[in-house]
Amino acid sequence: LLAVFDAEEQQRAVTSSQLPVQPLIEPLSPRELEVLQFIAQGLSNQEISERLVIAVSTVKGHNQRIFGKLQVERRTEAVARARELDLL
């Protein structure tokens, strides 16, 4: 999974290297940043829910808000975008 993150991040870097990084319109909350860090570590929603002692549905809600704020559709894109923004 981490290899996929790295490969997609490299591809994204090549594609967007000429484009300036756009700042977030709305910043991530501390909890969203915490969830994002677990996503970057390759944890599943179930594993994140167990670590944070919250429901899987709550993790999924955090994921959706993270994806919306980062303007991405997938976990790998979220990690790559967060790295571009120095959030990770």
Protein backbone atom coordinates (compact mmCIF):
# COMPACT_ATOMS: atom_id res chain seq x y z
CA LEU A 1 0.00 0.00 0.00
CA LEU A 2 2.82 2.42 0.81
CA ALA A 3 4.41 1.62 -2.54
CA VAL A 4 1.18 2.70 -4.22
CA PHE A 5 1.24 5.96 -2.21
CA ASP A 6 4.82 6.62 -3.29
CA ALA A 7 4.19 5.77 -6.95
CA GLU A 8 1.10 7.98 -7.13
CA GLU A 9 2.88 10.78 -5.30
CA GLN A 10 5.76 10.67 -7.77
CA GLN A 11 3.35 10.72 -10.72
CA ARG A 12 1.43 13.59 -9.17
CA ALA A 13 4.68 15.50 -8.57
CA VAL A 14 5.66 15.17 -12.23
CA THR A 15 2.19 16.22 -13.39
CA SER A 16 1.78 19.14 -11.02
CA SER A 17 5.37 20.34 -10.66
CA GLN A 18 4.63 23.40 -12.78
CA LEU A 19 1.46 24.30 -10.87
CA PRO A 20 1.58 26.33 -7.65
CA VAL A 21 0.20 24.55 -4.57
CA GLN A 22 -3.18 26.01 -3.71
CA PRO A 23 -3.79 26.52 0.02
CA LEU A 24 -6.76 24.92 1.73
CA ILE A 25 -9.95 26.95 1.80
CA GLU A 26 -10.85 25.34 5.12
CA PRO A 27 -8.12 23.90 7.37
CA LEU A 28 -8.26 20.35 8.66
CA SER A 29 -9.30 19.93 12.28
CA PRO A 30 -6.88 18.35 14.75
CA ARG A 31 -8.90 15.10 14.60
CA GLU A 32 -8.91 15.13 10.79
CA LEU A 33 -5.12 15.57 10.82
CA GLU A 34 -4.86 12.63 13.22
CA VAL A 35 -6.99 10.44 10.92
CA LEU A 36 -4.96 11.60 7.92
CA GLN A 37 -1.74 10.56 9.65
CA PHE A 38 -3.18 7.08 10.19
CA ILE A 39 -4.27 6.95 6.54
CA ALA A 40 -0.71 7.83 5.53
CA GLN A 41 0.53 4.95 7.68
CA GLY A 42 -1.69 2.61 5.65
CA LEU A 43 -4.21 1.82 8.39
CA SER A 44 -7.70 0.66 7.44
CA ASN A 45 -10.84 2.42 8.65
CA GLN A 46 -11.32 -0.41 11.15
CA GLU A 47 -7.78 -0.04 12.50
CA ILE A 48 -8.17 3.73 12.78
CA SER A 49 -11.46 3.31 14.64
CA GLU A 50 -9.82 0.92 17.10
CA ARG A 51 -6.87 3.26 17.73
CA LEU A 52 -9.10 6.30 18.26
CA VAL A 53 -11.88 4.36 20.02
CA ILE A 54 -14.55 5.67 17.65
CA ALA A 55 -17.02 3.99 15.30
CA VAL A 56 -15.96 3.01 11.80
CA SER A 57 -18.76 5.23 10.49
CA THR A 58 -17.16 8.18 12.30
CA VAL A 59 -13.83 7.42 10.63
CA LYS A 60 -15.60 7.32 7.27
CA GLY A 61 -17.14 10.71 8.02
CA HIS A 62 -13.72 12.13 8.85
CA ASN A 63 -12.39 10.65 5.59
CA GLN A 64 -15.11 12.35 3.56
CA ARG A 65 -14.44 15.73 5.18
CA ILE A 66 -10.69 15.29 4.65
CA PHE A 67 -11.22 14.38 0.99
CA GLY A 68 -13.53 17.36 0.51
CA LYS A 69 -11.15 19.84 2.11
CA LEU A 70 -8.19 18.47 0.14
CA GLN A 71 -10.30 18.26 -3.04
CA VAL A 72 -9.42 14.62 -3.69
CA GLU A 73 -11.35 11.40 -4.16
CA ARG A 74 -9.05 8.69 -2.79
CA ARG A 75 -6.81 7.97 0.18
CA THR A 76 -3.64 7.98 -1.91
CA GLU A 77 -4.55 11.35 -3.39
CA ALA A 78 -5.26 12.70 0.10
CA VAL A 79 -1.83 11.64 1.33
CA ALA A 80 -0.09 13.11 -1.73
CA ARG A 81 -2.00 16.40 -1.43
CA ALA A 82 -1.31 16.60 2.31
CA ARG A 83 2.40 16.15 1.64
CA GLU A 84 2.28 18.91 -0.98
CA LEU A 85 0.76 21.18 1.66
CA ASP A 86 3.27 20.07 4.33
CA LEU A 87 0.49 18.66 6.48
CA LEU A 88 2.36 15.35 6.79
